[in-house]
Amino acid sequence: MKMNQFWLRAMGIFGIMGGVILFAGDMLYYYDANNPNLLENMGNAFNFRIIASGITALLASWFYMLGLGQVYYAFKPTTAKVRNTVLISFGMILISYGIIHAAYLAIATSAKLAIENQLDIDSATALASQANQILRLFIYPVFAVLSYFFITQVWKRKTYYPRWIILFFPLIPFLFQGVISKFLTGKLWIIFAGGFLNIILIIFFTASTIALWNSNSRELL
């Protein structure tokens, strides 16, 4: 099977679209220009915004997985073991993005019920928030495995990626999240805090697409 430049580029664009769609879903949950409290914003959101945000989780997962084909192509020169490890671990993370975002429906609806019935919002959302945090714990070791193989293989020039792509790999901006957030306030902070995890994937797939834009056609399988 051959992958031509059109499909290679398209896969990168699909990955970017996945990030944009789920970022929009984040803003449907969180964005309120007049309130920096993300939990309260979910509780005050219209029903349509909450439902639409949940739908973005499904759509974004599909697009993210299509974008993963570009990463698989870039790791074609590596061994099958390394390539499959990167593919599986990255895929697990991308699927988890959709699952965890959809799980926020429970937090959003609990917050909404708390506000409508004048209940303590933190207590009302505690169980759903705890469940969401537990889901995230499964991802951290997978992310560690992916980071090790991705960074080491790219640094050793065993992939079609240039070394500079490491700067845009999600681990790097993730490490600077706390530092960057300290310099943001108001609307910018809401956008950054609410959509950060999808912003870093938009950045990655954009960098990946640029890096591979002029790649020659090679065998995918």
C-alpha atoms as a PDB file:
ATOM      1  CA  MET A   1       0.000   0.000   0.000  1.00  0.00           C
ATOM      2  CA  LYS A   2       1.347   3.419  -0.968  1.00  0.00           C
ATOM      3  CA  MET A   3       0.753   6.667   0.859  1.00  0.00           C
ATOM      4  CA  ASN A   4       1.016   9.681  -1.406  1.00  0.00           C
ATOM      5  CA  GLN A   5       1.565  13.247  -0.278  1.00  0.00           C
ATOM      6  CA  PHE A   6      -2.140  14.064  -0.401  1.00  0.00           C
ATOM      7  CA  TRP A   7      -3.109  11.447   2.179  1.00  0.00           C
ATOM      8  CA  LEU A   8      -0.059  12.117   4.321  1.00  0.00           C
ATOM      9  CA  ARG A   9      -0.989  15.775   4.502  1.00  0.00           C
ATOM     10  CA  ALA A  10      -4.675  14.950   4.959  1.00  0.00           C
ATOM     11  CA  MET A  11      -3.911  12.776   7.983  1.00  0.00           C
ATOM     12  CA  GLY A  12      -2.085  15.659   9.624  1.00  0.00           C
ATOM     13  CA  ILE A  13      -4.987  17.984   8.897  1.00  0.00           C
ATOM     14  CA  PHE A  14      -7.384  15.407  10.360  1.00  0.00           C
ATOM     15  CA  GLY A  15      -5.301  15.415  13.555  1.00  0.00           C
ATOM     16  CA  ILE A  16      -5.429  19.211  13.692  1.00  0.00           C
ATOM     17  CA  MET A  17      -9.196  19.114  13.149  1.00  0.00           C
ATOM     18  CA  GLY A  18      -9.537  16.658  16.024  1.00  0.00           C
ATOM     19  CA  GLY A  19      -7.786  19.128  18.301  1.00  0.00           C
ATOM     20  CA  VAL A  20      -9.851  22.071  17.088  1.00  0.00           C
ATOM     21  CA  ILE A  21     -13.120  20.163  17.533  1.00  0.00           C
ATOM     22  CA  LEU A  22     -12.328  19.043  21.075  1.00  0.00           C
ATOM     23  CA  PHE A  23     -10.972  22.487  21.956  1.00  0.00           C
ATOM     24  CA  ALA A  24     -14.336  23.870  20.855  1.00  0.00           C
ATOM     25  CA  GLY A  25     -15.914  21.251  23.117  1.00  0.00           C
ATOM     26  CA  ASP A  26     -13.792  22.524  25.998  1.00  0.00           C
ATOM     27  CA  MET A  27     -14.987  26.067  25.401  1.00  0.00           C
ATOM     28  CA  LEU A  28     -18.608  24.894  25.292  1.00  0.00           C
ATOM     29  CA  TYR A  29     -18.074  23.527  28.801  1.00  0.00           C
ATOM     30  CA  TYR A  30     -15.946  26.290  30.267  1.00  0.00           C
ATOM     31  CA  TYR A  31     -16.030  29.619  28.491  1.00  0.00           C
ATOM     32  CA  ASP A  32     -17.645  32.589  30.187  1.00  0.00           C
ATOM     33  CA  ALA A  33     -15.872  35.900  29.697  1.00  0.00           C
ATOM     34  CA  ASN A  34     -17.123  37.182  33.051  1.00  0.00           C
ATOM     35  CA  ASN A  35     -16.311  34.226  35.320  1.00  0.00           C
ATOM     36  CA  PRO A  36     -12.931  32.485  35.758  1.00  0.00           C
ATOM     37  CA  ASN A  37     -14.465  29.633  37.788  1.00  0.00           C
ATOM     38  CA  LEU A  38     -14.592  26.745  35.305  1.00  0.00           C
ATOM     39  CA  LEU A  39     -16.840  24.582  37.475  1.00  0.00           C
ATOM     40  CA  GLU A  40     -19.434  27.319  37.847  1.00  0.00           C
ATOM     41  CA  ASN A  41     -19.276  27.991  34.119  1.00  0.00           C
ATOM     42  CA  MET A  42     -20.173  24.365  33.410  1.00  0.00           C
ATOM     43  CA  GLY A  43     -23.098  24.666  35.799  1.00  0.00           C
ATOM     44  CA  ASN A  44     -24.313  27.859  34.136  1.00  0.00           C
ATOM     45  CA  ALA A  45     -23.962  26.556  30.574  1.00  0.00           C
ATOM     46  CA  PHE A  46     -27.080  26.055  28.463  1.00  0.00           C
ATOM     47  CA  ASN A  47     -28.213  22.470  27.938  1.00  0.00           C
ATOM     48  CA  PHE A  48     -27.317  22.719  24.257  1.00  0.00           C
ATOM     49  CA  ARG A  49     -23.706  23.626  25.086  1.00  0.00           C
ATOM     50  CA  ILE A  50     -23.306  20.641  27.396  1.00  0.00           C
ATOM     51  CA  ILE A  51     -24.832  18.192  24.917  1.00  0.00           C
ATOM     52  CA  ALA A  52     -22.850  19.620  21.987  1.00  0.00           C
ATOM     53  CA  SER A  53     -19.644  19.419  23.998  1.00  0.00           C
ATOM     54  CA  GLY A  54     -20.256  15.740  24.649  1.00  0.00           C
ATOM     55  CA  ILE A  55     -20.751  15.131  20.918  1.00  0.00           C
ATOM     56  CA  THR A  56     -17.408  16.757  20.120  1.00  0.00           C
ATOM     57  CA  ALA A  57     -15.705  14.017  22.142  1.00  0.00           C
ATOM     58  CA  LEU A  58     -16.867  11.386  19.663  1.00  0.00           C
ATOM     59  CA  LEU A  59     -16.062  13.423  16.549  1.00  0.00           C
ATOM     60  CA  ALA A  60     -12.652  14.490  17.810  1.00  0.00           C
ATOM     61  CA  SER A  61     -11.669  10.929  18.691  1.00  0.00           C
ATOM     62  CA  TRP A  62     -12.326   9.855  15.100  1.00  0.00           C
ATOM     63  CA  PHE A  63     -10.252  12.692  13.669  1.00  0.00           C
ATOM     64  CA  TYR A  64      -7.438  12.206  16.189  1.00  0.00           C
ATOM     65  CA  MET A  65      -7.151   8.532  15.244  1.00  0.00           C
ATOM     66  CA  LEU A  66      -6.990   9.424  11.555  1.00  0.00           C
ATOM     67  CA  GLY A  67      -4.196  11.865  12.384  1.00  0.00           C
ATOM     68  CA  LEU A  68      -2.289   9.061  14.084  1.00  0.00           C
ATOM     69  CA  GLY A  69      -1.627   7.567  10.645  1.00  0.00           C
ATOM     70  CA  GLN A  70       0.859  10.371  10.036  1.00  0.00           C
ATOM     71  CA  VAL A  71       2.835   9.410  13.151  1.00  0.00           C
ATOM     72  CA  TYR A  72       2.848   5.772  12.058  1.00  0.00           C
ATOM     73  CA  TYR A  73       4.274   6.827   8.703  1.00  0.00           C
ATOM     74  CA  ALA A  74       6.984   8.925  10.372  1.00  0.00           C
ATOM     75  CA  PHE A  75       8.086   5.920  12.440  1.00  0.00           C
ATOM     76  CA  LYS A  76       8.219   3.560   9.456  1.00  0.00           C
ATOM     77  CA  PRO A  77      12.066   3.412   9.525  1.00  0.00           C
ATOM     78  CA  THR A  78      12.083   2.140  13.136  1.00  0.00           C
ATOM     79  CA  THR A  79      11.708  -1.470  14.197  1.00  0.00           C
ATOM     80  CA  ALA A  80       8.226  -2.997  14.233  1.00  0.00           C
ATOM     81  CA  LYS A  81       8.362  -3.231  18.033  1.00  0.00           C
ATOM     82  CA  VAL A  82       9.120   0.460  18.469  1.00  0.00           C
ATOM     83  CA  ARG A  83       6.661   1.562  15.793  1.00  0.00           C
ATOM     84  CA  ASN A  84       3.815  -0.505  17.238  1.00  0.00           C
ATOM     85  CA  THR A  85       4.589   0.677  20.773  1.00  0.00           C
ATOM     86  CA  VAL A  86       4.359   4.297  19.653  1.00  0.00           C
ATOM     87  CA  LEU A  87       1.206   3.633  17.637  1.00  0.00           C
ATOM     88  CA  ILE A  88      -0.591   1.755  20.421  1.00  0.00           C
ATOM     89  CA  SER A  89       0.408   4.106  23.248  1.00  0.00           C
ATOM     90  CA  PHE A  90      -0.394   7.248  21.246  1.00  0.00           C
ATOM     91  CA  GLY A  91      -3.698   5.691  20.161  1.00  0.00           C
ATOM     92  CA  MET A  92      -4.590   4.862  23.756  1.00  0.00           C
ATOM     93  CA  ILE A  93      -3.962   8.476  24.732  1.00  0.00           C
ATOM     94  CA  LEU A  94      -5.974   9.941  21.862  1.00  0.00           C
ATOM     95  CA  ILE A  95      -8.941   7.662  22.592  1.00  0.00           C
ATOM     96  CA  SER A  96      -8.685   8.613  26.257  1.00  0.00           C
ATOM     97  CA  TYR A  97      -8.993  12.278  25.305  1.00  0.00           C
ATOM     98  CA  GLY A  98     -12.471  11.597  23.963  1.00  0.00           C
ATOM     99  CA  ILE A  99     -13.488   9.324  26.840  1.00  0.00           C
ATOM    100  CA  ILE A 100     -12.364  11.721  29.556  1.00  0.00           C
ATOM    101  CA  HIS A 101     -13.957  14.695  27.822  1.00  0.00           C
ATOM    102  CA  ALA A 102     -17.237  12.803  27.541  1.00  0.00           C
ATOM    103  CA  ALA A 103     -16.957  11.872  31.220  1.00  0.00           C
ATOM    104  CA  TYR A 104     -17.103  15.584  31.980  1.00  0.00           C
ATOM    105  CA  LEU A 105     -20.788  15.402  31.080  1.00  0.00           C
ATOM    106  CA  ALA A 106     -21.346  13.961  34.551  1.00  0.00           C
ATOM    107  CA  ILE A 107     -19.492  16.869  36.145  1.00  0.00           C
ATOM    108  CA  ALA A 108     -21.299  19.450  34.017  1.00  0.00           C
ATOM    109  CA  THR A 109     -24.781  18.047  34.695  1.00  0.00           C
ATOM    110  CA  SER A 110     -24.034  17.698  38.416  1.00  0.00           C
ATOM    111  CA  ALA A 111     -22.819  21.292  38.521  1.00  0.00           C
ATOM    112  CA  LYS A 112     -25.917  22.455  36.675  1.00  0.00           C
ATOM    113  CA  LEU A 113     -28.241  20.625  39.057  1.00  0.00           C
ATOM    114  CA  ALA A 114     -26.339  22.060  42.023  1.00  0.00           C
ATOM    115  CA  ILE A 115     -26.770  25.637  40.809  1.00  0.00           C
ATOM    116  CA  GLU A 116     -30.425  25.166  39.863  1.00  0.00           C
ATOM    117  CA  ASN A 117     -31.224  23.665  43.278  1.00  0.00           C
ATOM    118  CA  GLN A 118     -28.884  25.897  45.297  1.00  0.00           C
ATOM    119  CA  LEU A 119     -26.680  23.015  46.433  1.00  0.00           C
ATOM    120  CA  ASP A 120     -22.979  23.093  47.217  1.00  0.00           C
ATOM    121  CA  ILE A 121     -21.389  22.719  43.790  1.00  0.00           C
ATOM    122  CA  ASP A 122     -18.162  21.150  45.034  1.00  0.00           C
ATOM    123  CA  SER A 123     -20.000  18.443  46.963  1.00  0.00           C
ATOM    124  CA  ALA A 124     -22.424  17.811  44.116  1.00  0.00           C
ATOM    125  CA  THR A 125     -19.640  17.257  41.592  1.00  0.00           C
ATOM    126  CA  ALA A 126     -17.183  15.466  43.914  1.00  0.00           C
ATOM    127  CA  LEU A 127     -17.990  11.896  42.828  1.00  0.00           C
ATOM    128  CA  ALA A 128     -17.955  12.676  39.103  1.00  0.00           C
ATOM    129  CA  SER A 129     -14.703  14.615  39.508  1.00  0.00           C
ATOM    130  CA  GLN A 130     -13.103  11.772  41.442  1.00  0.00           C
ATOM    131  CA  ALA A 131     -14.077   9.269  38.759  1.00  0.00           C
ATOM    132  CA  ASN A 132     -12.613  11.561  36.111  1.00  0.00           C
ATOM    133  CA  GLN A 133      -9.338  11.872  37.978  1.00  0.00           C
ATOM    134  CA  ILE A 134      -9.075   8.089  38.325  1.00  0.00           C
ATOM    135  CA  LEU A 135      -9.484   7.739  34.565  1.00  0.00           C
ATOM    136  CA  ARG A 136      -6.534  10.095  34.089  1.00  0.00           C
ATOM    137  CA  LEU A 137      -4.292   7.941  36.301  1.00  0.00           C
ATOM    138  CA  PHE A 138      -4.373   5.186  33.678  1.00  0.00           C
ATOM    139  CA  ILE A 139      -2.966   7.571  31.071  1.00  0.00           C
ATOM    140  CA  TYR A 140       0.152   8.850  32.844  1.00  0.00           C
ATOM    141  CA  PRO A 141       2.230   5.645  32.569  1.00  0.00           C
ATOM    142  CA  VAL A 142       1.168   5.265  28.920  1.00  0.00           C
ATOM    143  CA  PHE A 143       2.245   8.850  28.281  1.00  0.00           C
ATOM    144  CA  ALA A 144       5.607   8.112  29.911  1.00  0.00           C
ATOM    145  CA  VAL A 145       6.170   5.123  27.605  1.00  0.00           C
ATOM    146  CA  LEU A 146       5.187   7.126  24.532  1.00  0.00           C
ATOM    147  CA  SER A 147       7.424  10.038  25.517  1.00  0.00           C
ATOM    148  CA  TYR A 148      10.455   7.798  25.978  1.00  0.00           C
ATOM    149  CA  PHE A 149      10.157   6.031  22.634  1.00  0.00           C
ATOM    150  CA  PHE A 150       9.118   9.106  20.671  1.00  0.00           C
ATOM    151  CA  ILE A 151      11.844  11.405  21.944  1.00  0.00           C
ATOM    152  CA  THR A 152      14.682   8.873  21.846  1.00  0.00           C
ATOM    153  CA  GLN A 153      13.878   7.604  18.349  1.00  0.00           C
ATOM    154  CA  VAL A 154      13.496  11.091  16.893  1.00  0.00           C
ATOM    155  CA  TRP A 155      16.700  12.279  18.584  1.00  0.00           C
ATOM    156  CA  LYS A 156      18.609   9.314  17.152  1.00  0.00           C
ATOM    157  CA  ARG A 157      17.275  10.236  13.686  1.00  0.00           C
ATOM    158  CA  LYS A 158      15.552   6.879  13.258  1.00  0.00           C
ATOM    159  CA  THR A 159      12.291   8.399  12.000  1.00  0.00           C
ATOM    160  CA  TYR A 160      11.213  10.676   9.168  1.00  0.00           C
ATOM    161  CA  TYR A 161      10.764  13.486  11.708  1.00  0.00           C
ATOM    162  CA  PRO A 162      13.430  16.194  12.116  1.00  0.00           C
ATOM    163  CA  ARG A 163      14.803  16.660  15.614  1.00  0.00           C
ATOM    164  CA  TRP A 164      13.009  19.977  16.114  1.00  0.00           C
ATOM    165  CA  ILE A 165       9.659  18.145  16.306  1.00  0.00           C
ATOM    166  CA  ILE A 166      10.631  17.165  19.870  1.00  0.00           C
ATOM    167  CA  LEU A 167      10.013  20.778  20.933  1.00  0.00           C
ATOM    168  CA  PHE A 168       6.384  20.391  19.876  1.00  0.00           C
ATOM    169  CA  PHE A 169       5.824  16.906  21.290  1.00  0.00           C
ATOM    170  CA  PRO A 170       3.037  17.202  23.937  1.00  0.00           C
ATOM    171  CA  LEU A 171       5.368  16.458  26.881  1.00  0.00           C
ATOM    172  CA  ILE A 172       7.358  19.674  26.390  1.00  0.00           C
ATOM    173  CA  PRO A 173       4.496  22.215  26.523  1.00  0.00           C
ATOM    174  CA  PHE A 174       2.847  20.091  29.229  1.00  0.00           C
ATOM    175  CA  LEU A 175       5.868  20.677  31.489  1.00  0.00           C
ATOM    176  CA  PHE A 176       5.512  24.445  31.078  1.00  0.00           C
ATOM    177  CA  GLN A 177       1.755  24.606  31.655  1.00  0.00           C
ATOM    178  CA  GLY A 178       2.020  25.967  35.189  1.00  0.00           C
ATOM    179  CA  VAL A 179       4.594  28.600  34.250  1.00  0.00           C
ATOM    180  CA  ILE A 180       2.592  29.898  31.300  1.00  0.00           C
ATOM    181  CA  SER A 181      -0.709  30.032  33.213  1.00  0.00           C
ATOM    182  CA  LYS A 182       0.822  32.410  35.784  1.00  0.00           C
ATOM    183  CA  PHE A 183       1.141  35.097  33.129  1.00  0.00           C
ATOM    184  CA  LEU A 184      -2.454  34.848  31.914  1.00  0.00           C
ATOM    185  CA  THR A 185      -5.599  36.416  33.313  1.00  0.00           C
ATOM    186  CA  GLY A 186      -9.240  36.867  32.396  1.00  0.00           C
ATOM    187  CA  LYS A 187     -10.412  35.470  29.059  1.00  0.00           C
ATOM    188  CA  LEU A 188      -6.963  34.241  28.058  1.00  0.00           C
ATOM    189  CA  TRP A 189      -6.631  32.249  31.262  1.00  0.00           C
ATOM    190  CA  ILE A 190     -10.054  30.634  30.763  1.00  0.00           C
ATOM    191  CA  ILE A 191      -9.158  29.641  27.196  1.00  0.00           C
ATOM    192  CA  PHE A 192      -5.729  28.366  28.219  1.00  0.00           C
ATOM    193  CA  ALA A 193      -6.815  26.504  31.354  1.00  0.00           C
ATOM    194  CA  GLY A 194      -9.921  25.048  29.751  1.00  0.00           C
ATOM    195  CA  GLY A 195      -8.430  23.995  26.440  1.00  0.00           C
ATOM    196  CA  PHE A 196      -4.724  23.428  27.169  1.00  0.00           C
ATOM    197  CA  LEU A 197      -4.597  19.666  26.613  1.00  0.00           C
ATOM    198  CA  ASN A 198      -6.128  20.016  23.163  1.00  0.00           C
ATOM    199  CA  ILE A 199      -4.056  23.080  22.331  1.00  0.00           C
ATOM    200  CA  ILE A 200      -0.864  21.033  22.740  1.00  0.00           C
ATOM    201  CA  LEU A 201      -2.184  18.390  20.341  1.00  0.00           C
ATOM    202  CA  ILE A 202      -3.142  21.053  17.799  1.00  0.00           C
ATOM    203  CA  ILE A 203       0.431  22.334  18.079  1.00  0.00           C
ATOM    204  CA  PHE A 204       1.866  18.833  17.681  1.00  0.00           C
ATOM    205  CA  PHE A 205      -0.175  17.834  14.635  1.00  0.00           C
ATOM    206  CA  THR A 206       0.515  21.220  13.030  1.00  0.00           C
ATOM    207  CA  ALA A 207       4.253  20.759  13.538  1.00  0.00           C
ATOM    208  CA  SER A 208       4.046  17.147  12.334  1.00  0.00           C
ATOM    209  CA  THR A 209       2.202  18.181   9.176  1.00  0.00           C
ATOM    210  CA  ILE A 210       4.741  20.906   8.433  1.00  0.00           C
ATOM    211  CA  ALA A 211       7.641  18.534   9.048  1.00  0.00           C
ATOM    212  CA  LEU A 212       6.257  15.895   6.674  1.00  0.00           C
ATOM    213  CA  TRP A 213       4.601  18.213   4.156  1.00  0.00           C
ATOM    214  CA  ASN A 214       7.108  17.583   1.370  1.00  0.00           C
ATOM    215  CA  SER A 215       7.906  13.958   2.174  1.00  0.00           C
ATOM    216  CA  ASN A 216       8.235  11.651  -0.798  1.00  0.00           C
ATOM    217  CA  SER A 217       5.766   8.785  -1.216  1.00  0.00           C
ATOM    218  CA  ARG A 218       6.929   5.710   0.622  1.00  0.00           C
ATOM    219  CA  GLU A 219       5.355   2.409   1.559  1.00  0.00           C
ATOM    220  CA  LEU A 220       3.023   2.699   4.523  1.00  0.00           C
ATOM    221  CA  LEU A 221       2.605  -1.024   5.085  1.00  0.00           C
END
